[in-house]
Amino acid sequence: MTLAILLVAIILINFTSSRDLPELVRVQVERYAVCSYWFFGWHLASTGAFAFIFLLVGFLLGLGAGFFLRRGVASRG
């Protein structure tokens, strides 16, 4: 369910032009895109594909950590 919500959010962001966004949100999105570009060093950093991959990796790491911690707690109890 979480993955579906993230996917819908990324698709909506990709198909919404920056002119349609409120000024404060537009500035934050542009600032994030520029910072990501310089930090990661490739053009993909400012695209929705990068955001999707970044969120997917975070989701999978969180899922793995959850299973690892649950297994550790279950074996102690």
N, C-alpha and C. Protein backbone atom coordinates (compact mmCIF):
# COMPACT_ATOMS: atom_id res chain seq x y z
N MET A 1 0.82 -1.20 0.00
CA MET A 1 0.00 0.00 0.00
C MET A 1 0.86 1.26 0.00
N THR A 2 1.90 1.26 0.85
CA THR A 2 2.80 2.41 0.92
C THR A 2 3.48 2.64 -0.42
N LEU A 3 3.91 1.56 -1.04
CA LEU A 3 4.58 1.67 -2.34
C LEU A 3 3.64 2.25 -3.38
N ALA A 4 2.39 1.87 -3.35
CA ALA A 4 1.41 2.40 -4.30
C ALA A 4 1.21 3.90 -4.10
N ILE A 5 1.15 4.34 -2.85
CA ILE A 5 1.00 5.77 -2.56
C ILE A 5 2.21 6.54 -3.04
N LEU A 6 3.41 6.01 -2.81
CA LEU A 6 4.62 6.67 -3.28
C LEU A 6 4.65 6.76 -4.80
N LEU A 7 4.24 5.70 -5.46
CA LEU A 7 4.23 5.68 -6.92
C LEU A 7 3.26 6.72 -7.47
N VAL A 8 2.07 6.80 -6.89
CA VAL A 8 1.09 7.80 -7.33
C VAL A 8 1.61 9.21 -7.09
N ALA A 9 2.24 9.44 -5.94
CA ALA A 9 2.78 10.77 -5.64
C ALA A 9 3.86 11.16 -6.64
N ILE A 10 4.73 10.23 -6.99
CA ILE A 10 5.80 10.53 -7.94
C ILE A 10 5.23 10.80 -9.32
N ILE A 11 4.25 10.03 -9.73
CA ILE A 11 3.62 10.26 -11.04
C ILE A 11 2.96 11.64 -11.07
N LEU A 12 2.26 12.01 -10.01
CA LEU A 12 1.62 13.32 -9.96
C LEU A 12 2.65 14.45 -10.00
N ILE A 13 3.76 14.27 -9.29
CA ILE A 13 4.81 15.29 -9.31
C ILE A 13 5.40 15.42 -10.70
N ASN A 14 5.61 14.30 -11.38
CA ASN A 14 6.19 14.35 -12.72
C ASN A 14 5.29 15.03 -13.73
N PHE A 15 3.97 14.88 -13.58
CA PHE A 15 3.06 15.45 -14.56
C PHE A 15 2.51 16.80 -14.14
N THR A 16 2.99 17.34 -13.04
CA THR A 16 2.60 18.68 -12.60
C THR A 16 3.74 19.62 -12.94
N SER A 17 3.46 20.62 -13.74
CA SER A 17 4.52 21.57 -14.08
C SER A 17 4.77 22.47 -12.88
N SER A 18 5.96 23.04 -12.80
CA SER A 18 6.30 23.88 -11.66
C SER A 18 5.47 25.15 -11.63
N ARG A 19 4.91 25.56 -12.77
CA ARG A 19 4.06 26.76 -12.79
C ARG A 19 2.75 26.52 -12.05
N ASP A 20 2.31 25.26 -11.96
CA ASP A 20 1.05 24.96 -11.30
C ASP A 20 1.17 24.87 -9.78
N LEU A 21 2.39 24.80 -9.29
CA LEU A 21 2.59 24.65 -7.85
C LEU A 21 2.58 26.01 -7.16
N PRO A 22 2.18 26.05 -5.89
CA PRO A 22 2.31 27.29 -5.13
C PRO A 22 3.78 27.71 -5.05
N GLU A 23 4.02 28.99 -4.86
CA GLU A 23 5.38 29.54 -4.91
C GLU A 23 6.32 28.86 -3.92
N LEU A 24 5.89 28.69 -2.68
CA LEU A 24 6.76 28.10 -1.66
C LEU A 24 7.13 26.66 -2.01
N VAL A 25 6.17 25.89 -2.50
CA VAL A 25 6.43 24.50 -2.88
C VAL A 25 7.35 24.45 -4.08
N ARG A 26 7.12 25.34 -5.05
CA ARG A 26 7.95 25.36 -6.26
C ARG A 26 9.41 25.64 -5.91
N VAL A 27 9.64 26.60 -5.02
CA VAL A 27 11.01 26.94 -4.62
C VAL A 27 11.67 25.74 -3.94
N GLN A 28 10.93 25.04 -3.07
CA GLN A 28 11.50 23.88 -2.38
C GLN A 28 11.83 22.76 -3.36
N VAL A 29 10.95 22.52 -4.34
CA VAL A 29 11.21 21.47 -5.33
C VAL A 29 12.43 21.81 -6.15
N GLU A 30 12.55 23.07 -6.59
CA GLU A 30 13.71 23.47 -7.38
C GLU A 30 14.99 23.39 -6.56
N ARG A 31 14.92 23.78 -5.30
CA ARG A 31 16.11 23.72 -4.43
C ARG A 31 16.53 22.26 -4.23
N TYR A 32 15.56 21.36 -4.03
CA TYR A 32 15.88 19.94 -3.87
C TYR A 32 16.53 19.39 -5.13
N ALA A 33 15.98 19.77 -6.30
CA ALA A 33 16.53 19.25 -7.55
C ALA A 33 17.96 19.71 -7.75
N VAL A 34 18.25 20.98 -7.46
CA VAL A 34 19.61 21.50 -7.63
C VAL A 34 20.56 20.84 -6.64
N CYS A 35 20.15 20.73 -5.37
CA CYS A 35 21.02 20.10 -4.36
C CYS A 35 21.28 18.64 -4.71
N SER A 36 20.25 17.94 -5.15
CA SER A 36 20.43 16.53 -5.51
C SER A 36 21.38 16.39 -6.69
N TYR A 37 21.25 17.31 -7.65
CA TYR A 37 22.11 17.24 -8.83
C TYR A 37 23.57 17.40 -8.42
N TRP A 38 23.87 18.37 -7.59
CA TRP A 38 25.26 18.60 -7.21
C TRP A 38 25.77 17.51 -6.26
N PHE A 39 24.91 17.00 -5.39
CA PHE A 39 25.35 15.99 -4.43
C PHE A 39 25.62 14.66 -5.11
N PHE A 40 24.72 14.23 -5.98
CA PHE A 40 24.87 12.92 -6.60
C PHE A 40 25.64 12.98 -7.91
N GLY A 41 25.71 14.15 -8.53
CA GLY A 41 26.59 14.35 -9.66
C GLY A 41 26.10 13.83 -11.00
N TRP A 42 24.84 13.52 -11.14
CA TRP A 42 24.34 13.15 -12.46
C TRP A 42 22.93 13.72 -12.65
N HIS A 43 22.53 13.84 -13.90
CA HIS A 43 21.28 14.52 -14.22
C HIS A 43 20.06 13.74 -13.74
N LEU A 44 20.19 12.44 -13.57
CA LEU A 44 19.06 11.63 -13.13
C LEU A 44 18.56 12.06 -11.75
N ALA A 45 19.42 12.73 -10.98
CA ALA A 45 19.06 13.12 -9.62
C ALA A 45 17.87 14.06 -9.57
N SER A 46 17.59 14.77 -10.65
CA SER A 46 16.49 15.73 -10.62
C SER A 46 15.24 15.17 -11.30
N THR A 47 15.18 13.89 -11.53
CA THR A 47 14.03 13.30 -12.20
C THR A 47 13.21 12.45 -11.24
N GLY A 48 12.00 12.15 -11.63
CA GLY A 48 11.13 11.30 -10.82
C GLY A 48 11.64 9.88 -10.70
N ALA A 49 12.37 9.41 -11.72
CA ALA A 49 12.92 8.05 -11.67
C ALA A 49 13.91 7.92 -10.51
N PHE A 50 14.73 8.95 -10.33
CA PHE A 50 15.69 8.92 -9.22
C PHE A 50 14.95 8.93 -7.89
N ALA A 51 13.93 9.78 -7.78
CA ALA A 51 13.16 9.85 -6.53
C ALA A 51 12.51 8.51 -6.23
N PHE A 52 11.98 7.86 -7.25
CA PHE A 52 11.35 6.56 -7.05
C PHE A 52 12.37 5.53 -6.57
N ILE A 53 13.54 5.49 -7.20
CA ILE A 53 14.58 4.54 -6.80
C ILE A 53 15.05 4.83 -5.38
N PHE A 54 15.23 6.12 -5.07
CA PHE A 54 15.67 6.52 -3.74
C PHE A 54 14.66 6.09 -2.68
N LEU A 55 13.38 6.32 -2.93
CA LEU A 55 12.34 5.93 -1.98
C LEU A 55 12.21 4.41 -1.89
N LEU A 56 12.39 3.72 -3.01
CA LEU A 56 12.30 2.27 -3.01
C LEU A 56 13.43 1.65 -2.20
N VAL A 57 14.64 2.18 -2.35
CA VAL A 57 15.77 1.67 -1.57
C VAL A 57 15.53 1.91 -0.08
N GLY A 58 15.04 3.10 0.27
CA GLY A 58 14.72 3.39 1.67
C GLY A 58 13.65 2.47 2.22
N PHE A 59 12.63 2.21 1.40
CA PHE A 59 11.55 1.30 1.81
C PHE A 59 12.09 -0.10 2.06
N LEU A 60 12.93 -0.60 1.14
CA LEU A 60 13.47 -1.94 1.28
C LEU A 60 14.42 -2.05 2.47
N LEU A 61 15.22 -1.01 2.70
CA LEU A 61 16.10 -1.02 3.87
C LEU A 61 15.29 -1.02 5.16
N GLY A 62 14.23 -0.23 5.20
CA GLY A 62 13.36 -0.21 6.37
C GLY A 62 12.67 -1.54 6.60
N LEU A 63 12.23 -2.16 5.51
CA LEU A 63 11.58 -3.47 5.61
C LEU A 63 12.56 -4.52 6.12
N GLY A 64 13.78 -4.50 5.59
CA GLY A 64 14.80 -5.44 6.04
C GLY A 64 15.17 -5.22 7.50
N ALA A 65 15.29 -3.95 7.91
CA ALA A 65 15.60 -3.66 9.31
C ALA A 65 14.46 -4.12 10.21
N GLY A 66 13.23 -3.94 9.76
CA GLY A 66 12.08 -4.39 10.55
C GLY A 66 12.08 -5.89 10.76
N PHE A 67 12.34 -6.64 9.70
CA PHE A 67 12.39 -8.10 9.83
C PHE A 67 13.55 -8.54 10.72
N PHE A 68 14.70 -7.88 10.57
CA PHE A 68 15.87 -8.21 11.37
C PHE A 68 15.60 -7.95 12.85
N LEU A 69 15.03 -6.79 13.16
CA LEU A 69 14.75 -6.46 14.56
C LEU A 69 13.66 -7.35 15.13
N ARG A 70 12.66 -7.66 14.34
CA ARG A 70 11.58 -8.53 14.82
C ARG A 70 12.12 -9.92 15.14
N ARG A 71 13.00 -10.42 14.29
CA ARG A 71 13.59 -11.74 14.53
C ARG A 71 14.44 -11.73 15.80
N GLY A 72 15.19 -10.65 16.02
CA GLY A 72 16.02 -10.54 17.21
C GLY A 72 15.20 -10.45 18.48
N VAL A 73 14.10 -9.73 18.44
CA VAL A 73 13.22 -9.59 19.61
C VAL A 73 12.51 -10.90 19.88
N ALA A 74 12.07 -11.59 18.84
CA ALA A 74 11.35 -12.85 19.00
C ALA A 74 12.25 -13.93 19.59
N SER A 75 13.52 -13.95 19.21
CA SER A 75 14.41 -15.00 19.71
C SER A 75 14.78 -14.78 21.17
N ARG A 76 14.76 -13.53 21.64
CA ARG A 76 15.08 -13.24 23.04
C ARG A 76 13.92 -13.58 23.96
N GLY A 77 12.69 -13.39 23.45
CA GLY A 77 11.52 -13.56 24.30
C GLY A 77 11.06 -14.94 24.39
